[in-house]
Amino acid sequence: MAITLTPKAACELKDLMASEGKMTAGLRVWVAGGGCSGLSYGMALDDQEPEADDHIFEHEGVRVFVDPGSLAYMEGSVVDFVDDEHGGGYQILNPNAVSSCGCGSSFKTADSEGATSGGGCGSCSSRG
C-alpha cells in the first residue's frame, strides 16, 4: 500500500522545492526509535537518487521515498499540511498507529506496543 500526499501537502511541497531550487527532489519519510510514544517520524527533501531498496510513490507530481523498514510501520499513511493557530506544518496520518503523542510527531503501533518509550511529554492519547 502506498504513502500518499493530500493535495495541500503536494502543493506546499512543490512550492518548497521551487523556493529551494530542488525541483527534482523527493520527500523522504522515515520512522526512527524514540519520541514520547516509542517511534518518531522524520521528513526531509531528498535531492539524491533513491536508495536501491527504497519504495517510491508519486502523488500529485511529487515523489515520496520510503525505506522498507519504515514502510512496515507507515503503510497506508497520508502526509498532510495543516495550518492552525501555531502556524503551518506537515503531519502524517498513520492508520497503523494505535496511540500517538499529543504533538503528533511520535506514535506506537500494535507491533511496537512493547517498545521502550522515549520519555514523556504526558500528552499521549490512544486512538480507537
N, C-alpha and C. Protein backbone atom coordinates (compact mmCIF):
# COMPACT_ATOMS: atom_id res chain seq x y z
N MET A 1 0.84 -1.17 0.00
CA MET A 1 0.00 0.00 0.00
C MET A 1 0.90 1.25 0.00
N ALA A 2 0.46 2.29 -0.61
CA ALA A 2 1.27 3.48 -0.84
C ALA A 2 1.24 4.46 0.33
N ILE A 3 2.21 5.35 0.32
CA ILE A 3 2.20 6.56 1.13
C ILE A 3 1.70 7.64 0.19
N THR A 4 0.68 8.39 0.58
CA THR A 4 0.11 9.40 -0.31
C THR A 4 0.24 10.79 0.30
N LEU A 5 -0.01 11.78 -0.53
CA LEU A 5 0.00 13.18 -0.12
C LEU A 5 -1.38 13.76 -0.35
N THR A 6 -1.83 14.62 0.54
CA THR A 6 -3.05 15.36 0.27
C THR A 6 -2.70 16.42 -0.80
N PRO A 7 -3.71 16.91 -1.50
CA PRO A 7 -3.43 17.99 -2.47
C PRO A 7 -2.73 19.19 -1.83
N LYS A 8 -3.11 19.55 -0.60
CA LYS A 8 -2.49 20.68 0.10
C LYS A 8 -1.01 20.40 0.37
N ALA A 9 -0.69 19.19 0.83
CA ALA A 9 0.71 18.84 1.10
C ALA A 9 1.52 18.86 -0.19
N ALA A 10 0.97 18.32 -1.26
CA ALA A 10 1.68 18.31 -2.55
C ALA A 10 1.95 19.72 -3.02
N CYS A 11 0.97 20.60 -2.91
CA CYS A 11 1.12 21.99 -3.31
C CYS A 11 2.21 22.69 -2.49
N GLU A 12 2.18 22.50 -1.17
CA GLU A 12 3.18 23.11 -0.30
C GLU A 12 4.57 22.57 -0.59
N LEU A 13 4.66 21.26 -0.87
CA LEU A 13 5.97 20.67 -1.19
C LEU A 13 6.51 21.20 -2.51
N LYS A 14 5.65 21.34 -3.51
CA LYS A 14 6.09 21.91 -4.79
C LYS A 14 6.60 23.34 -4.60
N ASP A 15 5.90 24.12 -3.79
CA ASP A 15 6.34 25.49 -3.50
C ASP A 15 7.70 25.49 -2.79
N LEU A 16 7.86 24.59 -1.82
CA LEU A 16 9.13 24.48 -1.08
C LEU A 16 10.26 24.06 -2.01
N MET A 17 10.01 23.06 -2.86
CA MET A 17 11.02 22.59 -3.79
C MET A 17 11.42 23.71 -4.75
N ALA A 18 10.46 24.50 -5.22
CA ALA A 18 10.75 25.61 -6.12
C ALA A 18 11.58 26.69 -5.41
N SER A 19 11.20 27.02 -4.17
CA SER A 19 11.90 28.07 -3.45
C SER A 19 13.33 27.67 -3.10
N GLU A 20 13.58 26.36 -2.96
CA GLU A 20 14.93 25.88 -2.65
C GLU A 20 15.69 25.43 -3.89
N GLY A 21 15.07 25.57 -5.07
CA GLY A 21 15.73 25.16 -6.31
C GLY A 21 15.96 23.67 -6.39
N LYS A 22 15.05 22.88 -5.84
CA LYS A 22 15.18 21.42 -5.80
C LYS A 22 13.98 20.76 -6.48
N MET A 23 13.70 21.17 -7.71
CA MET A 23 12.51 20.68 -8.40
C MET A 23 12.55 19.18 -8.71
N THR A 24 13.73 18.56 -8.69
CA THR A 24 13.80 17.12 -8.95
C THR A 24 13.87 16.31 -7.65
N ALA A 25 13.80 16.98 -6.51
CA ALA A 25 13.88 16.29 -5.22
C ALA A 25 12.60 15.50 -4.97
N GLY A 26 12.67 14.64 -3.97
CA GLY A 26 11.51 13.92 -3.49
C GLY A 26 11.40 14.14 -1.99
N LEU A 27 10.29 13.75 -1.43
CA LEU A 27 10.10 13.82 0.02
C LEU A 27 10.48 12.47 0.60
N ARG A 28 11.50 12.46 1.45
CA ARG A 28 11.87 11.22 2.14
C ARG A 28 11.18 11.22 3.49
N VAL A 29 10.46 10.13 3.79
CA VAL A 29 9.84 9.96 5.09
C VAL A 29 10.40 8.70 5.72
N TRP A 30 10.55 8.72 7.04
CA TRP A 30 11.10 7.56 7.73
C TRP A 30 10.57 7.49 9.15
N VAL A 31 10.83 6.34 9.75
CA VAL A 31 10.47 6.09 11.14
C VAL A 31 11.76 5.76 11.88
N ALA A 32 11.91 6.31 13.07
CA ALA A 32 13.07 6.03 13.91
C ALA A 32 12.60 5.75 15.33
N GLY A 33 13.41 5.07 16.10
CA GLY A 33 13.10 4.83 17.50
C GLY A 33 13.21 6.13 18.27
N GLY A 34 12.40 6.28 19.30
CA GLY A 34 12.45 7.48 20.14
C GLY A 34 11.13 8.22 20.12
N GLY A 35 11.09 9.32 20.78
CA GLY A 35 9.86 10.09 20.87
C GLY A 35 9.06 9.66 22.08
N CYS A 36 8.06 10.41 22.38
CA CYS A 36 7.24 10.17 23.58
C CYS A 36 6.53 8.82 23.54
N SER A 37 6.17 8.37 22.34
CA SER A 37 5.38 7.14 22.23
C SER A 37 6.19 5.94 21.75
N GLY A 38 7.49 6.09 21.55
CA GLY A 38 8.34 4.97 21.19
C GLY A 38 8.90 5.01 19.79
N LEU A 39 8.17 5.56 18.83
CA LEU A 39 8.64 5.71 17.45
C LEU A 39 8.40 7.15 17.03
N SER A 40 9.24 7.66 16.16
CA SER A 40 9.03 9.03 15.70
C SER A 40 9.19 9.11 14.19
N TYR A 41 8.54 10.10 13.60
CA TYR A 41 8.59 10.33 12.17
C TYR A 41 9.71 11.29 11.83
N GLY A 42 10.23 11.14 10.63
CA GLY A 42 11.16 12.11 10.07
C GLY A 42 10.76 12.39 8.64
N MET A 43 11.00 13.60 8.17
CA MET A 43 10.72 14.00 6.79
C MET A 43 11.77 15.00 6.36
N ALA A 44 12.20 14.89 5.10
CA ALA A 44 13.15 15.85 4.55
C ALA A 44 13.09 15.80 3.04
N LEU A 45 13.40 16.93 2.40
CA LEU A 45 13.56 16.90 0.95
C LEU A 45 14.86 16.16 0.66
N ASP A 46 14.81 15.27 -0.30
CA ASP A 46 15.97 14.46 -0.67
C ASP A 46 16.24 14.66 -2.15
N ASP A 47 17.36 15.34 -2.46
CA ASP A 47 17.67 15.58 -3.86
C ASP A 47 18.71 14.59 -4.38
N GLN A 48 18.95 13.52 -3.63
CA GLN A 48 19.83 12.43 -4.08
C GLN A 48 18.99 11.38 -4.80
N GLU A 49 19.65 10.50 -5.50
CA GLU A 49 18.95 9.37 -6.11
C GLU A 49 18.43 8.47 -4.99
N PRO A 50 17.23 7.90 -5.15
CA PRO A 50 16.72 6.99 -4.12
C PRO A 50 17.65 5.80 -3.94
N GLU A 51 17.65 5.23 -2.75
CA GLU A 51 18.42 4.01 -2.48
C GLU A 51 17.81 2.87 -3.28
N ALA A 52 18.60 1.83 -3.55
CA ALA A 52 18.15 0.71 -4.38
C ALA A 52 16.91 0.02 -3.82
N ASP A 53 16.79 -0.03 -2.48
CA ASP A 53 15.65 -0.75 -1.88
C ASP A 53 14.51 0.17 -1.46
N ASP A 54 14.62 1.46 -1.75
CA ASP A 54 13.54 2.38 -1.41
C ASP A 54 12.26 2.06 -2.18
N HIS A 55 11.15 2.29 -1.54
CA HIS A 55 9.85 2.28 -2.22
C HIS A 55 9.62 3.72 -2.67
N ILE A 56 9.18 3.90 -3.90
CA ILE A 56 8.97 5.23 -4.44
C ILE A 56 7.51 5.35 -4.87
N PHE A 57 6.85 6.35 -4.32
CA PHE A 57 5.46 6.62 -4.64
C PHE A 57 5.41 8.01 -5.26
N GLU A 58 4.56 8.21 -6.24
CA GLU A 58 4.40 9.54 -6.80
C GLU A 58 2.94 9.95 -6.67
N HIS A 59 2.75 11.16 -6.16
CA HIS A 59 1.40 11.66 -5.96
C HIS A 59 1.39 13.15 -6.27
N GLU A 60 0.49 13.57 -7.14
CA GLU A 60 0.36 14.98 -7.49
C GLU A 60 1.68 15.55 -8.02
N GLY A 61 2.51 14.71 -8.66
CA GLY A 61 3.77 15.16 -9.23
C GLY A 61 4.93 15.22 -8.25
N VAL A 62 4.75 14.76 -7.02
CA VAL A 62 5.81 14.75 -6.01
C VAL A 62 6.14 13.30 -5.69
N ARG A 63 7.44 12.99 -5.74
CA ARG A 63 7.88 11.64 -5.37
C ARG A 63 8.07 11.54 -3.86
N VAL A 64 7.71 10.39 -3.32
CA VAL A 64 7.89 10.10 -1.89
C VAL A 64 8.76 8.86 -1.79
N PHE A 65 9.88 8.96 -1.04
CA PHE A 65 10.82 7.86 -0.85
C PHE A 65 10.66 7.32 0.56
N VAL A 66 10.55 5.99 0.68
CA VAL A 66 10.41 5.35 1.99
C VAL A 66 11.25 4.08 1.99
N ASP A 67 12.09 3.91 3.00
CA ASP A 67 12.87 2.67 3.11
C ASP A 67 11.95 1.54 3.58
N PRO A 68 12.31 0.29 3.29
CA PRO A 68 11.43 -0.84 3.62
C PRO A 68 11.10 -0.97 5.11
N GLY A 69 12.05 -0.70 5.98
CA GLY A 69 11.79 -0.80 7.42
C GLY A 69 10.76 0.22 7.89
N SER A 70 10.84 1.44 7.37
CA SER A 70 9.88 2.47 7.74
C SER A 70 8.50 2.18 7.15
N LEU A 71 8.48 1.66 5.92
CA LEU A 71 7.20 1.37 5.28
C LEU A 71 6.40 0.36 6.07
N ALA A 72 7.08 -0.56 6.75
CA ALA A 72 6.38 -1.56 7.56
C ALA A 72 5.51 -0.91 8.64
N TYR A 73 5.93 0.26 9.14
CA TYR A 73 5.18 0.98 10.17
C TYR A 73 4.23 2.03 9.59
N MET A 74 4.41 2.36 8.29
CA MET A 74 3.68 3.50 7.72
C MET A 74 2.78 3.17 6.55
N GLU A 75 2.63 1.91 6.18
CA GLU A 75 1.80 1.57 5.02
C GLU A 75 0.43 2.21 5.13
N GLY A 76 0.00 2.84 4.05
CA GLY A 76 -1.31 3.46 4.02
C GLY A 76 -1.37 4.86 4.62
N SER A 77 -0.24 5.39 5.05
CA SER A 77 -0.22 6.72 5.66
C SER A 77 -0.44 7.82 4.62
N VAL A 78 -0.90 8.96 5.12
CA VAL A 78 -1.13 10.14 4.29
C VAL A 78 -0.35 11.30 4.90
N VAL A 79 0.42 11.99 4.06
CA VAL A 79 1.12 13.19 4.51
C VAL A 79 0.20 14.38 4.19
N ASP A 80 -0.06 15.19 5.20
CA ASP A 80 -0.93 16.35 5.03
C ASP A 80 -0.17 17.60 5.45
N PHE A 81 -0.68 18.75 5.05
CA PHE A 81 -0.16 20.03 5.51
C PHE A 81 -1.32 20.75 6.19
N VAL A 82 -1.10 21.17 7.42
CA VAL A 82 -2.17 21.83 8.16
C VAL A 82 -1.72 23.22 8.60
N ASP A 83 -2.66 24.14 8.52
CA ASP A 83 -2.47 25.50 9.05
C ASP A 83 -3.34 25.62 10.28
N ASP A 84 -2.75 26.03 11.39
CA ASP A 84 -3.55 26.26 12.60
C ASP A 84 -2.99 27.48 13.33
N GLU A 85 -3.46 27.71 14.52
CA GLU A 85 -3.05 28.90 15.27
C GLU A 85 -1.56 28.90 15.62
N HIS A 86 -0.90 27.73 15.51
CA HIS A 86 0.53 27.63 15.81
C HIS A 86 1.37 27.76 14.56
N GLY A 87 0.74 27.94 13.40
CA GLY A 87 1.46 28.03 12.13
C GLY A 87 1.14 26.82 11.27
N GLY A 88 1.89 26.65 10.21
CA GLY A 88 1.65 25.54 9.30
C GLY A 88 2.72 24.48 9.45
N GLY A 89 2.36 23.28 9.07
CA GLY A 89 3.33 22.20 9.14
C GLY A 89 2.79 20.91 8.56
N TYR A 90 3.70 20.00 8.28
CA TYR A 90 3.34 18.70 7.74
C TYR A 90 3.03 17.75 8.88
N GLN A 91 2.07 16.87 8.65
CA GLN A 91 1.77 15.83 9.62
C GLN A 91 1.50 14.54 8.87
N ILE A 92 1.73 13.45 9.55
CA ILE A 92 1.49 12.12 8.96
C ILE A 92 0.28 11.51 9.64
N LEU A 93 -0.68 11.14 8.84
CA LEU A 93 -1.88 10.45 9.32
C LEU A 93 -1.65 8.97 9.07
N ASN A 94 -1.38 8.23 10.13
CA ASN A 94 -0.95 6.84 10.03
C ASN A 94 -2.03 5.90 10.55
N PRO A 95 -2.62 5.08 9.66
CA PRO A 95 -3.66 4.16 10.11
C PRO A 95 -3.13 3.03 10.98
N ASN A 96 -1.82 2.85 11.03
CA ASN A 96 -1.21 1.78 11.83
C ASN A 96 -0.94 2.21 13.27
N ALA A 97 -1.05 3.49 13.56
CA ALA A 97 -0.77 3.99 14.90
C ALA A 97 -1.94 3.68 15.83
N VAL A 98 -1.65 3.03 16.94
CA VAL A 98 -2.70 2.75 17.93
C VAL A 98 -2.70 3.81 19.02
N SER A 99 -1.61 4.55 19.15
CA SER A 99 -1.57 5.71 20.04
C SER A 99 -0.53 6.67 19.50
N SER A 100 -0.69 7.92 19.84
CA SER A 100 0.27 8.92 19.38
C SER A 100 0.41 10.00 20.44
N CYS A 101 1.53 10.68 20.38
CA CYS A 101 1.80 11.77 21.30
C CYS A 101 0.94 12.97 20.91
N GLY A 102 0.63 13.79 21.84
CA GLY A 102 -0.16 14.98 21.57
C GLY A 102 0.48 15.90 20.55
N CYS A 103 1.81 15.87 20.44
CA CYS A 103 2.49 16.72 19.47
C CYS A 103 2.40 16.14 18.06
N GLY A 104 2.02 14.86 17.92
CA GLY A 104 1.83 14.25 16.61
C GLY A 104 3.09 13.78 15.95
N SER A 105 4.24 13.91 16.58
CA SER A 105 5.47 13.50 15.92
C SER A 105 5.96 12.13 16.36
N SER A 106 5.29 11.52 17.33
CA SER A 106 5.67 10.17 17.72
C SER A 106 4.41 9.31 17.88
N PHE A 107 4.62 8.00 17.76
CA PHE A 107 3.48 7.10 17.75
C PHE A 107 3.90 5.71 18.18
N LYS A 108 2.91 4.85 18.33
CA LYS A 108 3.11 3.45 18.68
C LYS A 108 2.17 2.65 17.80
N THR A 109 2.65 1.51 17.28
CA THR A 109 1.80 0.59 16.53
C THR A 109 1.53 -0.63 17.39
N ALA A 110 0.62 -1.47 16.95
CA ALA A 110 0.34 -2.70 17.69
C ALA A 110 1.60 -3.55 17.79
N ASP A 111 2.42 -3.56 16.74
CA ASP A 111 3.66 -4.33 16.75
C ASP A 111 4.72 -3.73 17.65
N SER A 112 4.62 -2.46 17.96
CA SER A 112 5.64 -1.80 18.78
C SER A 112 5.17 -1.57 20.21
N GLU A 113 4.04 -2.16 20.61
CA GLU A 113 3.47 -1.93 21.94
C GLU A 113 4.49 -2.17 23.05
N GLY A 114 5.38 -3.14 22.88
CA GLY A 114 6.36 -3.44 23.92
C GLY A 114 7.60 -2.58 23.85
N ALA A 115 7.69 -1.71 22.86
CA ALA A 115 8.89 -0.88 22.69
C ALA A 115 9.02 0.08 23.87
N THR A 116 10.27 0.35 24.19
CA THR A 116 10.54 1.29 25.27
C THR A 116 10.16 2.69 24.86
N SER A 117 9.45 3.35 25.68
CA SER A 117 9.05 4.73 25.41
C SER A 117 10.26 5.64 25.53
N GLY A 118 10.24 6.69 24.75
CA GLY A 118 11.38 7.59 24.69
C GLY A 118 11.35 8.71 25.71
N GLY A 119 10.43 8.75 26.60
CA GLY A 119 10.43 9.85 27.54
C GLY A 119 9.04 10.38 27.67
N GLY A 120 8.67 11.39 28.15
CA GLY A 120 7.26 11.65 28.25
C GLY A 120 6.89 13.09 28.18
N CYS A 121 6.06 13.37 27.26
CA CYS A 121 5.51 14.72 27.22
C CYS A 121 4.21 14.73 28.01
N GLY A 122 3.70 13.55 28.33
CA GLY A 122 2.49 13.47 29.15
C GLY A 122 1.21 13.72 28.40
N SER A 123 1.28 13.89 27.08
CA SER A 123 0.06 14.20 26.34
C SER A 123 -0.29 13.10 25.35
N CYS A 124 0.23 11.91 25.56
CA CYS A 124 -0.08 10.81 24.65
C CYS A 124 -1.53 10.39 24.84
N SER A 125 -2.16 10.01 23.73
CA SER A 125 -3.54 9.61 23.81
C SER A 125 -3.78 8.41 22.89
N SER A 126 -4.65 7.55 23.29
CA SER A 126 -4.98 6.39 22.46
C SER A 126 -5.96 6.77 21.39
N ARG A 127 -5.84 6.12 20.24
CA ARG A 127 -6.80 6.30 19.17
C ARG A 127 -7.54 5.01 19.00
N GLY A 128 -8.83 5.12 18.69
CA GLY A 128 -9.62 3.91 18.55
C GLY A 128 -10.06 3.64 17.18
